Amino acid sequence: MALKTTKWDVTQHLDTEEKIALFLEAVFEEGDPATIAAAIGEVAKARGMTQIAKDAGLSRENLYRALSAEGNPEFGTVMKVIKAMGFDLRVTPHKAA
């Protein structure tokens, strides 16, 4: 019997504020700008790209483009999208090892 698999889609698992916050926190800890942009895009898809774009004051097409693998969103765009998703971006000091 052949094993049937399906493509894993993170947006199916981003269904609570806590899960989204933990997902974004983990991505920000890694610190890769492209991964951060992609993760913000996944959250926007999970929340509804059209509504996030509207709340951020951006066109849906521009938001998709900015958060695509080839995109390079401006920091202002990232901040608008994070706010539109209902989150704040905070800075905390590193913990001493």
PDB file of N, CA and C in Angstrom:
ATOM      1  N   MET A   1       0.846  -1.173   0.000  1.00  0.00           N
ATOM      2  CA  MET A   1       0.000   0.000   0.000  1.00  0.00           C
ATOM      3  C   MET A   1       0.896   1.242   0.000  1.00  0.00           C
ATOM      4  N   ALA A   2       0.609   2.164  -0.902  1.00  0.00           N
ATOM      5  CA  ALA A   2       1.401   3.384  -1.032  1.00  0.00           C
ATOM      6  C   ALA A   2       1.030   4.375   0.064  1.00  0.00           C
ATOM      7  N   LEU A   3       2.027   5.043   0.544  1.00  0.00           N
ATOM      8  CA  LEU A   3       1.836   6.075   1.553  1.00  0.00           C
ATOM      9  C   LEU A   3       1.378   7.356   0.876  1.00  0.00           C
ATOM     10  N   LYS A   4       0.267   7.894   1.334  1.00  0.00           N
ATOM     11  CA  LYS A   4      -0.245   9.136   0.767  1.00  0.00           C
ATOM     12  C   LYS A   4       0.161  10.294   1.674  1.00  0.00           C
ATOM     13  N   THR A   5       0.759  11.312   1.079  1.00  0.00           N
ATOM     14  CA  THR A   5       1.171  12.478   1.853  1.00  0.00           C
ATOM     15  C   THR A   5       0.537  13.736   1.264  1.00  0.00           C
ATOM     16  N   THR A   6       0.483  14.741   2.078  1.00  0.00           N
ATOM     17  CA  THR A   6      -0.002  16.039   1.622  1.00  0.00           C
ATOM     18  C   THR A   6       1.028  17.097   1.994  1.00  0.00           C
ATOM     19  N   LYS A   7       1.027  18.178   1.261  1.00  0.00           N
ATOM     20  CA  LYS A   7       1.957  19.265   1.523  1.00  0.00           C
ATOM     21  C   LYS A   7       1.574  19.947   2.832  1.00  0.00           C
ATOM     22  N   TRP A   8       2.562  20.161   3.689  1.00  0.00           N
ATOM     23  CA  TRP A   8       2.312  20.826   4.964  1.00  0.00           C
ATOM     24  C   TRP A   8       2.136  22.312   4.733  1.00  0.00           C
ATOM     25  N   ASP A   9       1.110  22.882   5.322  1.00  0.00           N
ATOM     26  CA  ASP A   9       0.796  24.293   5.158  1.00  0.00           C
ATOM     27  C   ASP A   9       0.707  24.932   6.539  1.00  0.00           C
ATOM     28  N   VAL A  10       1.682  25.772   6.858  1.00  0.00           N
ATOM     29  CA  VAL A  10       1.742  26.394   8.174  1.00  0.00           C
ATOM     30  C   VAL A  10       0.500  27.218   8.465  1.00  0.00           C
ATOM     31  N   THR A  11      -0.128  27.794   7.442  1.00  0.00           N
ATOM     32  CA  THR A  11      -1.283  28.651   7.685  1.00  0.00           C
ATOM     33  C   THR A  11      -2.443  27.896   8.322  1.00  0.00           C
ATOM     34  N   GLN A  12      -2.504  26.595   8.120  1.00  0.00           N
ATOM     35  CA  GLN A  12      -3.560  25.789   8.734  1.00  0.00           C
ATOM     36  C   GLN A  12      -3.378  25.662  10.243  1.00  0.00           C
ATOM     37  N   HIS A  13      -2.176  25.962  10.727  1.00  0.00           N
ATOM     38  CA  HIS A  13      -1.869  25.807  12.147  1.00  0.00           C
ATOM     39  C   HIS A  13      -1.773  27.145  12.875  1.00  0.00           C
ATOM     40  N   LEU A  14      -1.895  28.235  12.141  1.00  0.00           N
ATOM     41  CA  LEU A  14      -1.828  29.560  12.742  1.00  0.00           C
ATOM     42  C   LEU A  14      -3.246  30.044  13.026  1.00  0.00           C
ATOM     43  N   ASP A  15      -3.904  29.350  13.952  1.00  0.00           N
ATOM     44  CA  ASP A  15      -5.316  29.612  14.190  1.00  0.00           C
ATOM     45  C   ASP A  15      -5.622  30.258  15.538  1.00  0.00           C
ATOM     46  N   THR A  16      -4.597  30.589  16.305  1.00  0.00           N
ATOM     47  CA  THR A  16      -4.807  31.330  17.558  1.00  0.00           C
ATOM     48  C   THR A  16      -3.739  32.417  17.661  1.00  0.00           C
ATOM     49  N   GLU A  17      -4.051  33.422  18.460  1.00  0.00           N
ATOM     50  CA  GLU A  17      -3.087  34.502  18.688  1.00  0.00           C
ATOM     51  C   GLU A  17      -1.789  33.953  19.283  1.00  0.00           C
ATOM     52  N   GLU A  18      -1.915  33.017  20.206  1.00  0.00           N
ATOM     53  CA  GLU A  18      -0.731  32.453  20.859  1.00  0.00           C
ATOM     54  C   GLU A  18       0.151  31.708  19.857  1.00  0.00           C
ATOM     55  N   LYS A  19      -0.437  30.897  18.993  1.00  0.00           N
ATOM     56  CA  LYS A  19       0.345  30.158  18.004  1.00  0.00           C
ATOM     57  C   LYS A  19       1.042  31.109  17.039  1.00  0.00           C
ATOM     58  N   ILE A  20       0.335  32.152  16.631  1.00  0.00           N
ATOM     59  CA  ILE A  20       0.933  33.133  15.723  1.00  0.00           C
ATOM     60  C   ILE A  20       2.085  33.846  16.406  1.00  0.00           C
ATOM     61  N   ALA A  21       1.880  34.270  17.639  1.00  0.00           N
ATOM     62  CA  ALA A  21       2.930  34.980  18.375  1.00  0.00           C
ATOM     63  C   ALA A  21       4.163  34.093  18.563  1.00  0.00           C
ATOM     64  N   LEU A  22       3.958  32.833  18.909  1.00  0.00           N
ATOM     65  CA  LEU A  22       5.086  31.919  19.092  1.00  0.00           C
ATOM     66  C   LEU A  22       5.817  31.675  17.780  1.00  0.00           C
ATOM     67  N   PHE A  23       5.074  31.535  16.699  1.00  0.00           N
ATOM     68  CA  PHE A  23       5.658  31.344  15.373  1.00  0.00           C
ATOM     69  C   PHE A  23       6.537  32.542  15.006  1.00  0.00           C
ATOM     70  N   LEU A  24       5.976  33.747  15.129  1.00  0.00           N
ATOM     71  CA  LEU A  24       6.747  34.948  14.780  1.00  0.00           C
ATOM     72  C   LEU A  24       7.944  35.145  15.712  1.00  0.00           C
ATOM     73  N   GLU A  25       7.759  34.853  16.984  1.00  0.00           N
ATOM     74  CA  GLU A  25       8.866  34.982  17.937  1.00  0.00           C
ATOM     75  C   GLU A  25      10.027  34.066  17.549  1.00  0.00           C
ATOM     76  N   ALA A  26       9.726  32.845  17.186  1.00  0.00           N
ATOM     77  CA  ALA A  26      10.772  31.900  16.785  1.00  0.00           C
ATOM     78  C   ALA A  26      11.492  32.382  15.529  1.00  0.00           C
ATOM     79  N   VAL A  27      10.744  32.909  14.575  1.00  0.00           N
ATOM     80  CA  VAL A  27      11.339  33.387  13.330  1.00  0.00           C
ATOM     81  C   VAL A  27      12.223  34.606  13.592  1.00  0.00           C
ATOM     82  N   PHE A  28      11.749  35.519  14.427  1.00  0.00           N
ATOM     83  CA  PHE A  28      12.554  36.698  14.754  1.00  0.00           C
ATOM     84  C   PHE A  28      13.824  36.310  15.508  1.00  0.00           C
ATOM     85  N   GLU A  29      13.770  35.273  16.332  1.00  0.00           N
ATOM     86  CA  GLU A  29      14.967  34.812  17.034  1.00  0.00           C
ATOM     87  C   GLU A  29      16.030  34.346  16.055  1.00  0.00           C
ATOM     88  N   GLU A  30      15.615  33.705  14.968  1.00  0.00           N
ATOM     89  CA  GLU A  30      16.564  33.264  13.939  1.00  0.00           C
ATOM     90  C   GLU A  30      17.214  34.465  13.269  1.00  0.00           C
ATOM     91  N   GLY A  31      16.438  35.502  13.012  1.00  0.00           N
ATOM     92  CA  GLY A  31      16.987  36.760  12.528  1.00  0.00           C
ATOM     93  C   GLY A  31      17.202  36.907  11.033  1.00  0.00           C
ATOM     94  N   ASP A  32      16.842  35.925  10.232  1.00  0.00           N
ATOM     95  CA  ASP A  32      17.038  36.035   8.787  1.00  0.00           C
ATOM     96  C   ASP A  32      15.936  36.897   8.183  1.00  0.00           C
ATOM     97  N   PRO A  33      16.276  38.037   7.568  1.00  0.00           N
ATOM     98  CA  PRO A  33      15.247  38.944   7.037  1.00  0.00           C
ATOM     99  C   PRO A  33      14.293  38.293   6.035  1.00  0.00           C
ATOM    100  N   ALA A  34      14.794  37.453   5.166  1.00  0.00           N
ATOM    101  CA  ALA A  34      13.927  36.800   4.177  1.00  0.00           C
ATOM    102  C   ALA A  34      12.950  35.852   4.855  1.00  0.00           C
ATOM    103  N   THR A  35      13.406  35.143   5.869  1.00  0.00           N
ATOM    104  CA  THR A  35      12.536  34.230   6.599  1.00  0.00           C
ATOM    105  C   THR A  35      11.492  34.997   7.392  1.00  0.00           C
ATOM    106  N   ILE A  36      11.880  36.127   7.964  1.00  0.00           N
ATOM    107  CA  ILE A  36      10.937  36.968   8.702  1.00  0.00           C
ATOM    108  C   ILE A  36       9.845  37.471   7.768  1.00  0.00           C
ATOM    109  N   ALA A  37      10.225  37.967   6.606  1.00  0.00           N
ATOM    110  CA  ALA A  37       9.237  38.465   5.639  1.00  0.00           C
ATOM    111  C   ALA A  37       8.305  37.340   5.207  1.00  0.00           C
ATOM    112  N   ALA A  38       8.859  36.167   4.953  1.00  0.00           N
ATOM    113  CA  ALA A  38       8.034  35.022   4.537  1.00  0.00           C
ATOM    114  C   ALA A  38       7.074  34.619   5.652  1.00  0.00           C
ATOM    115  N   ALA A  39       7.536  34.629   6.891  1.00  0.00           N
ATOM    116  CA  ALA A  39       6.682  34.255   8.022  1.00  0.00           C
ATOM    117  C   ALA A  39       5.549  35.262   8.207  1.00  0.00           C
ATOM    118  N   ILE A  40       5.860  36.544   8.063  1.00  0.00           N
ATOM    119  CA  ILE A  40       4.818  37.565   8.158  1.00  0.00           C
ATOM    120  C   ILE A  40       3.795  37.346   7.044  1.00  0.00           C
ATOM    121  N   GLY A  41       4.275  36.970   5.879  1.00  0.00           N
ATOM    122  CA  GLY A  41       3.371  36.656   4.769  1.00  0.00           C
ATOM    123  C   GLY A  41       2.472  35.479   5.069  1.00  0.00           C
ATOM    124  N   GLU A  42       3.008  34.454   5.702  1.00  0.00           N
ATOM    125  CA  GLU A  42       2.203  33.281   6.060  1.00  0.00           C
ATOM    126  C   GLU A  42       1.126  33.657   7.069  1.00  0.00           C
ATOM    127  N   VAL A  43       1.481  34.491   8.038  1.00  0.00           N
ATOM    128  CA  VAL A  43       0.490  34.935   9.023  1.00  0.00           C
ATOM    129  C   VAL A  43      -0.586  35.776   8.336  1.00  0.00           C
ATOM    130  N   ALA A  44      -0.168  36.653   7.432  1.00  0.00           N
ATOM    131  CA  ALA A  44      -1.136  37.470   6.700  1.00  0.00           C
ATOM    132  C   ALA A  44      -2.087  36.589   5.889  1.00  0.00           C
ATOM    133  N   LYS A  45      -1.565  35.530   5.273  1.00  0.00           N
ATOM    134  CA  LYS A  45      -2.425  34.597   4.531  1.00  0.00           C
ATOM    135  C   LYS A  45      -3.407  33.905   5.477  1.00  0.00           C
ATOM    136  N   ALA A  46      -2.904  33.494   6.644  1.00  0.00           N
ATOM    137  CA  ALA A  46      -3.761  32.812   7.614  1.00  0.00           C
ATOM    138  C   ALA A  46      -4.868  33.737   8.115  1.00  0.00           C
ATOM    139  N   ARG A  47      -4.560  35.007   8.247  1.00  0.00           N
ATOM    140  CA  ARG A  47      -5.533  35.989   8.741  1.00  0.00           C
ATOM    141  C   ARG A  47      -6.434  36.526   7.641  1.00  0.00           C
ATOM    142  N   GLY A  48      -5.999  36.412   6.408  1.00  0.00           N
ATOM    143  CA  GLY A  48      -6.744  36.972   5.287  1.00  0.00           C
ATOM    144  C   GLY A  48      -5.963  38.134   4.695  1.00  0.00           C
ATOM    145  N   MET A  49      -5.255  37.857   3.615  1.00  0.00           N
ATOM    146  CA  MET A  49      -4.355  38.836   3.001  1.00  0.00           C
ATOM    147  C   MET A  49      -5.089  40.118   2.621  1.00  0.00           C
ATOM    148  N   THR A  50      -6.298  39.998   2.098  1.00  0.00           N
ATOM    149  CA  THR A  50      -7.041  41.179   1.660  1.00  0.00           C
ATOM    150  C   THR A  50      -7.317  42.111   2.840  1.00  0.00           C
ATOM    151  N   GLN A  51      -7.753  41.558   3.965  1.00  0.00           N
ATOM    152  CA  GLN A  51      -8.057  42.388   5.129  1.00  0.00           C
ATOM    153  C   GLN A  51      -6.788  42.985   5.735  1.00  0.00           C
ATOM    154  N   ILE A  52      -5.727  42.211   5.796  1.00  0.00           N
ATOM    155  CA  ILE A  52      -4.460  42.727   6.333  1.00  0.00           C
ATOM    156  C   ILE A  52      -3.963  43.869   5.462  1.00  0.00           C
ATOM    157  N   ALA A  53      -4.016  43.684   4.153  1.00  0.00           N
ATOM    158  CA  ALA A  53      -3.570  44.747   3.239  1.00  0.00           C
ATOM    159  C   ALA A  53      -4.400  46.010   3.451  1.00  0.00           C
ATOM    160  N   LYS A  54      -5.703  45.846   3.561  1.00  0.00           N
ATOM    161  CA  LYS A  54      -6.586  46.999   3.777  1.00  0.00           C
ATOM    162  C   LYS A  54      -6.247  47.698   5.090  1.00  0.00           C
ATOM    163  N   ASP A  55      -6.105  46.926   6.158  1.00  0.00           N
ATOM    164  CA  ASP A  55      -5.806  47.503   7.474  1.00  0.00           C
ATOM    165  C   ASP A  55      -4.438  48.173   7.508  1.00  0.00           C
ATOM    166  N   ALA A  56      -3.513  47.684   6.681  1.00  0.00           N
ATOM    167  CA  ALA A  56      -2.160  48.246   6.625  1.00  0.00           C
ATOM    168  C   ALA A  56      -2.073  49.424   5.651  1.00  0.00           C
ATOM    169  N   GLY A  57      -3.145  49.662   4.905  1.00  0.00           N
ATOM    170  CA  GLY A  57      -3.135  50.755   3.931  1.00  0.00           C
ATOM    171  C   GLY A  57      -2.325  50.436   2.692  1.00  0.00           C
ATOM    172  N   LEU A  58      -2.297  49.156   2.312  1.00  0.00           N
ATOM    173  CA  LEU A  58      -1.534  48.698   1.149  1.00  0.00           C
ATOM    174  C   LEU A  58      -2.466  47.971   0.189  1.00  0.00           C
ATOM    175  N   SER A  59      -2.067  47.884  -1.058  1.00  0.00           N
ATOM    176  CA  SER A  59      -2.841  47.052  -1.979  1.00  0.00           C
ATOM    177  C   SER A  59      -2.468  45.595  -1.726  1.00  0.00           C
ATOM    178  N   ARG A  60      -3.411  44.725  -1.987  1.00  0.00           N
ATOM    179  CA  ARG A  60      -3.161  43.289  -1.794  1.00  0.00           C
ATOM    180  C   ARG A  60      -2.012  42.826  -2.666  1.00  0.00           C
ATOM    181  N   GLU A  61      -1.960  43.315  -3.898  1.00  0.00           N
ATOM    182  CA  GLU A  61      -0.896  42.926  -4.823  1.00  0.00           C
ATOM    183  C   GLU A  61       0.470  43.361  -4.305  1.00  0.00           C
ATOM    184  N   ASN A  62       0.558  44.604  -3.803  1.00  0.00           N
ATOM    185  CA  ASN A  62       1.840  45.087  -3.269  1.00  0.00           C
ATOM    186  C   ASN A  62       2.255  44.299  -2.036  1.00  0.00           C
ATOM    187  N   LEU A  63       1.284  43.919  -1.217  1.00  0.00           N
ATOM    188  CA  LEU A  63       1.602  43.144  -0.020  1.00  0.00           C
ATOM    189  C   LEU A  63       2.115  41.759  -0.403  1.00  0.00           C
ATOM    190  N   TYR A  64       1.441  41.098  -1.340  1.00  0.00           N
ATOM    191  CA  TYR A  64       1.919  39.800  -1.817  1.00  0.00           C
ATOM    192  C   TYR A  64       3.341  39.933  -2.367  1.00  0.00           C
ATOM    193  N   ARG A  65       3.580  40.960  -3.159  1.00  0.00           N
ATOM    194  CA  ARG A  65       4.894  41.165  -3.775  1.00  0.00           C
ATOM    195  C   ARG A  65       5.965  41.399  -2.700  1.00  0.00           C
ATOM    196  N   ALA A  66       5.657  42.259  -1.740  1.00  0.00           N
ATOM    197  CA  ALA A  66       6.632  42.580  -0.696  1.00  0.00           C
ATOM    198  C   ALA A  66       6.991  41.370   0.149  1.00  0.00           C
ATOM    199  N   LEU A  67       6.007  40.511   0.409  1.00  0.00           N
ATOM    200  CA  LEU A  67       6.231  39.372   1.293  1.00  0.00           C
ATOM    201  C   LEU A  67       6.530  38.073   0.550  1.00  0.00           C
ATOM    202  N   SER A  68       6.748  38.160  -0.756  1.00  0.00           N
ATOM    203  CA  SER A  68       7.092  36.973  -1.536  1.00  0.00           C
ATOM    204  C   SER A  68       8.557  36.604  -1.303  1.00  0.00           C
ATOM    205  N   ALA A  69       8.952  35.458  -1.805  1.00  0.00           N
ATOM    206  CA  ALA A  69      10.341  35.007  -1.671  1.00  0.00           C
ATOM    207  C   ALA A  69      11.308  35.983  -2.330  1.00  0.00           C
ATOM    208  N   GLU A  70      10.864  36.646  -3.394  1.00  0.00           N
ATOM    209  CA  GLU A  70      11.716  37.601  -4.096  1.00  0.00           C
ATOM    210  C   GLU A  70      11.583  39.015  -3.521  1.00  0.00           C
ATOM    211  N   GLY A  71      10.632  39.215  -2.639  1.00  0.00           N
ATOM    212  CA  GLY A  71      10.367  40.540  -2.094  1.00  0.00           C
ATOM    213  C   GLY A  71      11.427  40.991  -1.110  1.00  0.00           C
ATOM    214  N   ASN A  72      11.461  42.275  -0.899  1.00  0.00           N
ATOM    215  CA  ASN A  72      12.364  42.877   0.075  1.00  0.00           C
ATOM    216  C   ASN A  72      11.611  44.057   0.687  1.00  0.00           C
ATOM    217  N   PRO A  73      10.677  43.759   1.614  1.00  0.00           N
ATOM    218  CA  PRO A  73       9.816  44.821   2.119  1.00  0.00           C
ATOM    219  C   PRO A  73      10.588  45.869   2.908  1.00  0.00           C
ATOM    220  N   GLU A  74      10.138  47.104   2.777  1.00  0.00           N
ATOM    221  CA  GLU A  74      10.710  48.172   3.584  1.00  0.00           C
ATOM    222  C   GLU A  74      10.282  47.953   5.029  1.00  0.00           C
ATOM    223  N   PHE A  75      11.074  48.484   5.942  1.00  0.00           N
ATOM    224  CA  PHE A  75      10.774  48.305   7.361  1.00  0.00           C
ATOM    225  C   PHE A  75       9.415  48.908   7.704  1.00  0.00           C
ATOM    226  N   GLY A  76       9.088  50.034   7.084  1.00  0.00           N
ATOM    227  CA  GLY A  76       7.789  50.653   7.319  1.00  0.00           C
ATOM    228  C   GLY A  76       6.647  49.740   6.930  1.00  0.00           C
ATOM    229  N   THR A  77       6.809  49.007   5.852  1.00  0.00           N
ATOM    230  CA  THR A  77       5.788  48.054   5.413  1.00  0.00           C
ATOM    231  C   THR A  77       5.639  46.943   6.435  1.00  0.00           C
ATOM    232  N   VAL A  78       6.759  46.431   6.921  1.00  0.00           N
ATOM    233  CA  VAL A  78       6.733  45.369   7.930  1.00  0.00           C
ATOM    234  C   VAL A  78       5.994  45.856   9.174  1.00  0.00           C
ATOM    235  N   MET A  79       6.294  47.063   9.611  1.00  0.00           N
ATOM    236  CA  MET A  79       5.646  47.607  10.804  1.00  0.00           C
ATOM    237  C   MET A  79       4.140  47.771  10.593  1.00  0.00           C
ATOM    238  N   LYS A  80       3.734  48.261   9.428  1.00  0.00           N
ATOM    239  CA  LYS A  80       2.310  48.425   9.134  1.00  0.00           C
ATOM    240  C   LYS A  80       1.591  47.081   9.153  1.00  0.00           C
ATOM    241  N   VAL A  81       2.220  46.073   8.580  1.00  0.00           N
ATOM    242  CA  VAL A  81       1.593  44.753   8.514  1.00  0.00           C
ATOM    243  C   VAL A  81       1.507  44.124   9.902  1.00  0.00           C
ATOM    244  N   ILE A  82       2.556  44.231  10.683  1.00  0.00           N
ATOM    245  CA  ILE A  82       2.527  43.687  12.047  1.00  0.00           C
ATOM    246  C   ILE A  82       1.414  44.343  12.856  1.00  0.00           C
ATOM    247  N   LYS A  83       1.296  45.664  12.721  1.00  0.00           N
ATOM    248  CA  LYS A  83       0.230  46.376  13.432  1.00  0.00           C
ATOM    249  C   LYS A  83      -1.140  45.943  12.919  1.00  0.00           C
ATOM    250  N   ALA A  84      -1.294  45.796  11.602  1.00  0.00           N
ATOM    251  CA  ALA A  84      -2.566  45.373  11.020  1.00  0.00           C
ATOM    252  C   ALA A  84      -2.959  43.970  11.485  1.00  0.00           C
ATOM    253  N   MET A  85      -1.964  43.140  11.799  1.00  0.00           N
ATOM    254  CA  MET A  85      -2.242  41.790  12.281  1.00  0.00           C
ATOM    255  C   MET A  85      -2.585  41.784  13.763  1.00  0.00           C
ATOM    256  N   GLY A  86      -2.463  42.955  14.408  1.00  0.00           N
ATOM    257  CA  GLY A  86      -2.819  43.048  15.821  1.00  0.00           C
ATOM    258  C   GLY A  86      -1.669  42.786  16.771  1.00  0.00           C
ATOM    259  N   PHE A  87      -0.443  42.931  16.286  1.00  0.00           N
ATOM    260  CA  PHE A  87       0.727  42.700  17.120  1.00  0.00           C
ATOM    261  C   PHE A  87       1.578  43.956  17.228  1.00  0.00           C
ATOM    262  N   ASP A  88       2.435  43.980  18.234  1.00  0.00           N
ATOM    263  CA  ASP A  88       3.432  45.029  18.409  1.00  0.00           C
ATOM    264  C   ASP A  88       4.797  44.402  18.253  1.00  0.00           C
ATOM    265  N   LEU A  89       5.747  45.194  17.827  1.00  0.00           N
ATOM    266  CA  LEU A  89       7.130  44.737  17.745  1.00  0.00           C
ATOM    267  C   LEU A  89       7.871  45.386  18.904  1.00  0.00           C
ATOM    268  N   ARG A  90       8.493  44.580  19.737  1.00  0.00           N
ATOM    269  CA  ARG A  90       9.191  45.087  20.921  1.00  0.00           C
ATOM    270  C   ARG A  90      10.640  44.638  20.894  1.00  0.00           C
ATOM    271  N   VAL A  91      11.453  45.420  21.540  1.00  0.00           N
ATOM    272  CA  VAL A  91      12.867  45.106  21.665  1.00  0.00           C
ATOM    273  C   VAL A  91      13.150  44.816  23.128  1.00  0.00           C
ATOM    274  N   THR A  92      13.860  43.713  23.379  1.00  0.00           N
ATOM    275  CA  THR A  92      14.246  43.362  24.739  1.00  0.00           C
ATOM    276  C   THR A  92      15.744  43.076  24.764  1.00  0.00           C
ATOM    277  N   PRO A  93      16.392  43.352  25.888  1.00  0.00           N
ATOM    278  CA  PRO A  93      17.823  43.089  25.951  1.00  0.00           C
ATOM    279  C   PRO A  93      18.105  41.588  25.939  1.00  0.00           C
ATOM    280  N   HIS A  94      19.273  41.232  25.420  1.00  0.00           N
ATOM    281  CA  HIS A  94      19.714  39.842  25.453  1.00  0.00           C
ATOM    282  C   HIS A  94      19.892  39.438  26.915  1.00  0.00           C
ATOM    283  N   LYS A  95      19.588  38.218  27.190  1.00  0.00           N
ATOM    284  CA  LYS A  95      19.814  37.688  28.534  1.00  0.00           C
ATOM    285  C   LYS A  95      21.258  37.247  28.647  1.00  0.00           C
ATOM    286  N   ALA A  96      21.895  37.570  29.742  1.00  0.00           N
ATOM    287  CA  ALA A  96      23.293  37.171  29.949  1.00  0.00           C
ATOM    288  C   ALA A  96      23.368  35.656  30.058  1.00  0.00           C
ATOM    289  N   ALA A  97      24.383  35.101  29.404  1.00  0.00           N
ATOM    290  CA  ALA A  97      24.525  33.637  29.411  1.00  0.00           C
ATOM    291  C   ALA A  97      25.196  33.163  30.663  1.00  0.00           C
TER     292      ALA A  97
END
